[in-house]
């Protein structure tokens, strides 16, 4: 059923938007960087709200990269950066990604997915540091991270 937009509904929507600053639901995001090599070797997440913090964490991330990737452009007046690091892994075959970001229950929930090689997968025997950086609209709400781990199926010898 479609309800007509009355001044009461419009006023309620305006109050809800003004009080929360954002609307609940999925939040669009843009991937800034993703890969398996990082100067950050511990498992961690970060919510970055200003240029100085962004430059600092990015500098730690690109240590050892030649040439070092340039710092992505972000307008911190309207956006924030979310970075996640899976920690050092003892082989290739790992990938960290953002499955989605949503505002729910006065929180921002970041859903991460860590793909890892399953039994029978042939992988490079090298230390990797899976990571992902995204930007999304700025919010003052607390951010929580949830990580799902998925074992990638490989047939014997692949």
Protein backbone atom coordinates (compact mmCIF):
# COMPACT_ATOMS: atom_id res chain seq x y z
CA UNK A 1 0.00 0.00 0.00
CA UNK A 2 1.25 3.49 -0.82
CA UNK A 3 0.67 6.14 1.82
CA UNK A 4 0.42 9.78 0.76
CA UNK A 5 3.20 12.00 2.01
CA UNK A 6 1.54 14.25 4.56
CA UNK A 7 3.13 17.14 6.38
CA UNK A 8 3.29 14.96 9.55
CA UNK A 9 5.25 12.21 7.80
CA UNK A 10 7.49 14.79 6.17
CA UNK A 11 8.10 16.50 9.54
CA UNK A 12 8.84 13.12 11.18
CA UNK A 13 11.36 12.27 8.43
CA UNK A 14 13.03 15.65 8.83
CA UNK A 15 13.29 15.22 12.62
CA UNK A 16 14.71 11.69 12.28
CA UNK A 17 17.29 12.85 9.73
CA UNK A 18 18.29 15.86 11.82
CA UNK A 19 18.57 13.86 15.04
CA UNK A 20 20.69 11.06 13.62
CA UNK A 21 22.52 12.96 10.91
CA UNK A 22 22.13 9.93 8.67
CA UNK A 23 19.53 7.45 7.62
CA UNK A 24 19.64 3.81 8.66
CA UNK A 25 20.42 1.21 6.02
CA UNK A 26 23.22 0.33 3.62
CA UNK A 27 26.02 2.86 3.19
CA UNK A 28 27.71 3.09 -0.20
CA UNK A 29 31.50 2.85 -0.14
CA UNK A 30 34.45 3.08 -2.51
CA UNK A 31 37.49 0.80 -2.29
CA UNK A 32 40.64 2.93 -2.08
CA UNK A 33 43.18 0.10 -1.83
CA UNK A 34 43.14 -3.67 -1.43
CA UNK A 35 45.83 -6.30 -1.64
CA UNK A 36 48.14 -8.73 0.08
CA UNK A 37 51.25 -6.66 0.82
CA UNK A 38 51.33 -4.12 3.64
CA UNK A 39 53.83 -2.73 6.07
CA UNK A 40 51.21 -3.34 8.78
CA UNK A 41 51.62 -6.91 9.96
CA UNK A 42 49.25 -7.04 12.91
CA UNK A 43 45.52 -7.68 12.76
CA UNK A 44 43.66 -4.40 13.24
CA UNK A 45 40.94 -2.08 12.05
CA UNK A 46 40.85 1.70 11.90
CA UNK A 47 38.29 4.43 11.42
CA UNK A 48 40.03 7.54 10.11
CA UNK A 49 38.35 10.93 10.39
CA UNK A 50 41.15 13.35 9.50
CA UNK A 51 43.97 13.87 7.03
CA UNK A 52 46.79 13.63 9.62
CA UNK A 53 45.67 10.21 10.88
CA UNK A 54 45.19 9.05 7.28
CA UNK A 55 48.70 10.12 6.26
CA UNK A 56 50.22 8.45 9.31
CA UNK A 57 48.52 5.07 8.85
CA UNK A 58 49.10 5.14 5.07
CA UNK A 59 52.83 5.81 5.64
CA UNK A 60 53.02 2.70 7.87
CA UNK A 61 51.07 0.70 5.27
CA UNK A 62 53.33 1.54 2.31
CA UNK A 63 56.65 0.96 4.11
CA UNK A 64 58.76 -1.28 1.88
CA UNK A 65 56.67 -0.68 -1.27
CA UNK A 66 58.72 0.49 -4.23
CA UNK A 67 57.38 2.67 -5.64
CA UNK A 68 55.12 3.59 -2.76
CA UNK A 69 51.48 4.04 -3.82
CA UNK A 70 50.32 7.62 -3.49
CA UNK A 71 47.86 8.63 -0.81
CA UNK A 72 44.28 8.46 -2.16
CA UNK A 73 42.30 11.71 -2.12
CA UNK A 74 39.60 11.93 0.53
CA UNK A 75 37.43 14.88 1.55
CA UNK A 76 37.24 14.42 5.31
CA UNK A 77 34.54 17.10 5.59
CA UNK A 78 32.07 14.61 4.10
CA UNK A 79 33.84 11.22 4.12
CA UNK A 80 35.72 8.91 6.46
CA UNK A 81 38.15 6.08 5.74
CA UNK A 82 37.83 2.58 7.11
CA UNK A 83 40.91 0.35 6.96
CA UNK A 84 41.18 -3.31 7.91
CA UNK A 85 44.25 -5.50 8.15
CA UNK A 86 44.05 -9.29 8.53
CA UNK A 87 47.54 -9.64 10.00
CA UNK A 88 50.51 -11.57 8.61
CA UNK A 89 49.59 -14.86 6.95
CA UNK A 90 52.08 -17.63 6.19
CA UNK A 91 51.05 -18.13 2.55
CA UNK A 92 49.30 -16.61 -0.43
CA UNK A 93 45.65 -17.31 -1.12
CA UNK A 94 44.20 -14.89 1.44
CA UNK A 95 41.97 -11.95 0.52
CA UNK A 96 40.27 -9.40 2.77
CA UNK A 97 37.26 -7.48 1.48
CA UNK A 98 34.36 -5.36 2.67
CA UNK A 99 31.08 -7.16 2.00
CA UNK A 100 29.02 -4.18 3.08
CA UNK A 101 28.64 -1.24 5.43
CA UNK A 102 25.34 -0.41 7.08
CA UNK A 103 23.91 1.87 9.69
CA UNK A 104 21.80 -0.12 12.12
CA UNK A 105 20.76 0.42 15.73
CA UNK A 106 22.69 3.72 15.98
CA UNK A 107 25.92 2.01 14.89
CA UNK A 108 27.90 1.62 11.73
CA UNK A 109 28.53 -2.06 11.02
CA UNK A 110 31.38 -2.99 8.69
CA UNK A 111 31.07 -6.55 7.39
CA UNK A 112 34.46 -7.95 6.41
CA UNK A 113 35.14 -11.21 4.60
CA UNK A 114 38.46 -13.01 4.86
CA UNK A 115 38.88 -15.66 2.19
CA UNK A 116 41.54 -18.19 3.10
CA UNK A 117 42.89 -21.15 1.16
CA UNK A 118 41.17 -24.40 2.04
CA UNK A 119 42.55 -27.92 2.07
CA UNK A 120 44.15 -28.89 -1.21
CA UNK A 121 44.87 -25.34 -2.37
CA UNK A 122 48.32 -24.73 -3.77
CA UNK A 123 49.56 -21.35 -2.57
CA UNK A 124 52.72 -19.31 -2.77
CA UNK A 125 54.83 -19.91 0.31
CA UNK A 126 55.32 -16.27 1.14
CA UNK A 127 54.19 -14.09 4.02
CA UNK A 128 51.24 -11.87 3.06
CA UNK A 129 49.34 -9.10 4.82
CA UNK A 130 45.80 -8.90 3.40
CA UNK A 131 44.23 -5.45 3.73
CA UNK A 132 41.42 -3.27 2.45
CA UNK A 133 40.82 0.50 2.62
CA UNK A 134 37.44 2.06 1.81
CA UNK A 135 35.85 5.47 2.07
CA UNK A 136 32.24 6.08 2.98
CA UNK A 137 30.16 8.99 4.18
CA UNK A 138 31.30 10.49 7.44
CA UNK A 139 29.42 9.53 10.59
CA UNK A 140 29.85 10.20 14.30
CA UNK A 141 28.23 6.88 15.21
CA UNK A 142 30.35 4.11 16.76
CA UNK A 143 31.76 1.62 14.26
CA UNK A 144 31.80 -2.12 14.83
CA UNK A 145 33.52 -4.70 12.66
CA UNK A 146 32.34 -8.23 11.96
CA UNK A 147 34.55 -10.66 10.09
CA UNK A 148 33.39 -13.80 8.34
CA UNK A 149 36.07 -16.31 7.38
CA UNK A 150 35.47 -18.35 4.25
CA UNK A 151 37.59 -21.35 3.31
CA UNK A 152 38.12 -21.37 -0.46
CA UNK A 153 37.50 -24.79 -1.96
CA UNK A 154 40.30 -26.12 -4.16
CA UNK A 155 40.47 -29.46 -5.85
CA UNK A 156 43.55 -31.52 -5.14
CA UNK A 157 46.48 -30.22 -7.19
CA UNK A 158 45.00 -26.81 -8.07
